[in-house]
Amino acid sequence: MSTTKVSYKTFPVQLSLIAIVGLGILWYIIYKAATTSFTHDESYTYTHYVHQGFMDIISYKTPYTNNHILNTVLMKYCEVFFGSSELSLRLPNILAFILYSIFTILLLYKYIPKLMFPFIC
């Protein structure tokens, strides 16, 4: 059983279209993060958890289902470094989207390169 390695030169149009679509989606997400008001859940997390100490956050000192540990801790440190704007508090989610997109594209490229563009769009 042999496996053939697909090179990036095989699908240049497809990769270009995916990059354009991905950047468009990223721009839209950044725009929405900067201009949209906080939802109830985001506000609750910010007012009840972000200002707690690090150990209080990760140990569930105040137990509630809205305390998503990683998101809360990253919001806490983004507020410290970038302030308390909607964009800075949503920065961890924007970065998570970038990581998710990159790994989705890499997995599709490795296993089903011909269907990569339809899966992304």
Protein backbone atom coordinates (compact mmCIF):
# COMPACT_ATOMS: atom_id res chain seq x y z
CA MET A 1 0.00 0.00 0.00
CA SER A 2 1.67 3.19 -1.10
CA THR A 3 0.75 6.68 -0.14
CA THR A 4 1.28 9.57 -2.46
CA LYS A 5 2.24 12.91 -1.07
CA VAL A 6 0.35 15.83 -2.54
CA SER A 7 2.40 18.96 -3.04
CA TYR A 8 1.14 22.51 -2.58
CA LYS A 9 1.68 23.08 -6.31
CA THR A 10 -1.07 20.59 -7.13
CA PHE A 11 -3.94 22.78 -5.98
CA PRO A 12 -2.77 26.41 -6.25
CA VAL A 13 -6.19 27.80 -7.25
CA GLN A 14 -7.92 25.91 -4.47
CA LEU A 15 -5.43 27.08 -1.85
CA SER A 16 -5.70 30.66 -3.09
CA LEU A 17 -9.49 30.57 -2.87
CA ILE A 18 -9.35 29.06 0.61
CA ALA A 19 -6.93 31.76 1.74
CA ILE A 20 -9.21 34.49 0.37
CA VAL A 21 -12.32 32.96 1.94
CA GLY A 22 -10.50 32.39 5.24
CA LEU A 23 -9.24 35.96 5.40
CA GLY A 24 -12.72 37.23 4.56
CA ILE A 25 -14.24 35.20 7.38
CA LEU A 26 -11.49 36.34 9.76
CA TRP A 27 -12.12 39.98 8.85
CA TYR A 28 -15.85 39.50 9.46
CA ILE A 29 -15.22 37.87 12.86
CA ILE A 30 -12.88 40.68 13.92
CA TYR A 31 -15.39 43.30 12.75
CA LYS A 32 -18.24 41.63 14.65
CA ALA A 33 -16.09 41.20 17.76
CA ALA A 34 -15.24 44.90 17.75
CA THR A 35 -18.71 46.28 17.02
CA THR A 36 -21.21 43.92 18.63
CA SER A 37 -22.26 44.34 22.24
CA PHE A 38 -21.64 41.56 24.71
CA THR A 39 -24.22 38.80 25.05
CA HIS A 40 -25.68 37.83 28.42
CA ASP A 41 -23.23 34.92 28.78
CA GLU A 42 -20.18 37.02 27.95
CA SER A 43 -21.30 39.72 30.37
CA TYR A 44 -21.91 37.19 33.12
CA THR A 45 -18.47 35.67 32.64
CA TYR A 46 -16.83 39.08 32.65
CA THR A 47 -18.63 40.40 35.74
CA HIS A 48 -18.48 37.22 37.85
CA TYR A 49 -15.27 35.44 36.90
CA VAL A 50 -12.69 37.56 35.07
CA HIS A 51 -11.88 39.64 38.14
CA GLN A 52 -11.33 36.63 40.38
CA GLY A 53 -7.85 35.32 41.06
CA PHE A 54 -6.29 32.73 38.77
CA MET A 55 -6.61 29.91 41.32
CA ASP A 56 -10.22 30.87 42.07
CA ILE A 57 -11.08 30.61 38.38
CA ILE A 58 -9.47 27.22 37.76
CA SER A 59 -10.68 25.71 41.02
CA TYR A 60 -14.34 26.70 40.45
CA LYS A 61 -14.49 28.68 43.67
CA THR A 62 -17.84 30.05 42.47
CA PRO A 63 -19.34 27.06 40.65
CA TYR A 64 -21.57 27.79 37.68
CA THR A 65 -21.79 26.32 34.21
CA ASN A 66 -20.81 29.61 32.58
CA ASN A 67 -17.22 29.47 33.88
CA HIS A 68 -15.30 28.07 30.92
CA ILE A 69 -11.87 27.95 32.51
CA LEU A 70 -9.64 28.50 29.48
CA ASN A 71 -11.83 31.26 28.03
CA THR A 72 -12.14 33.00 31.41
CA VAL A 73 -8.40 32.91 32.10
CA LEU A 74 -7.56 34.16 28.61
CA MET A 75 -10.16 36.95 28.93
CA LYS A 76 -8.59 37.90 32.25
CA TYR A 77 -5.10 38.27 30.77
CA CYS A 78 -6.31 39.96 27.58
CA GLU A 79 -7.99 42.55 29.78
CA VAL A 80 -4.73 43.06 31.68
CA PHE A 81 -2.71 43.59 28.48
CA PHE A 82 -5.23 45.19 26.10
CA GLY A 83 -7.99 46.74 28.22
CA SER A 84 -11.65 45.87 28.57
CA SER A 85 -13.02 46.55 25.08
CA GLU A 86 -15.22 43.98 23.36
CA LEU A 87 -12.45 43.23 20.87
CA SER A 88 -9.78 42.61 23.48
CA LEU A 89 -12.04 40.39 25.59
CA ARG A 90 -13.01 38.39 22.50
CA LEU A 91 -9.41 38.08 21.32
CA PRO A 92 -9.02 34.51 22.71
CA ASN A 93 -11.98 33.40 20.60
CA ILE A 94 -10.57 35.07 17.49
CA LEU A 95 -7.22 33.32 18.03
CA ALA A 96 -9.04 30.02 18.59
CA PHE A 97 -10.82 30.49 15.26
CA ILE A 98 -7.46 31.00 13.53
CA LEU A 99 -6.01 27.82 15.07
CA TYR A 100 -9.16 25.83 14.30
CA SER A 101 -9.16 27.01 10.68
CA ILE A 102 -5.50 26.23 10.12
CA PHE A 103 -5.78 22.71 11.48
CA THR A 104 -9.02 22.05 9.60
CA ILE A 105 -7.39 23.10 6.34
CA LEU A 106 -4.29 20.99 7.07
CA LEU A 107 -6.37 17.91 7.88
CA LEU A 108 -8.52 18.32 4.79
CA TYR A 109 -5.44 18.95 2.68
CA LYS A 110 -3.83 15.77 3.95
CA TYR A 111 -6.82 13.42 3.68
CA ILE A 112 -9.22 14.85 1.08
CA PRO A 113 -7.50 17.64 -0.86
CA LYS A 114 -10.00 17.62 -3.74
CA LEU A 115 -12.87 18.45 -1.39
CA MET A 116 -11.00 21.04 0.63
CA PHE A 117 -12.67 24.13 -0.88
CA PRO A 118 -16.28 22.84 -0.65
CA PHE A 119 -15.74 21.88 3.01
CA ILE A 120 -14.40 25.33 3.89
CA CYS A 121 -17.18 27.22 2.13
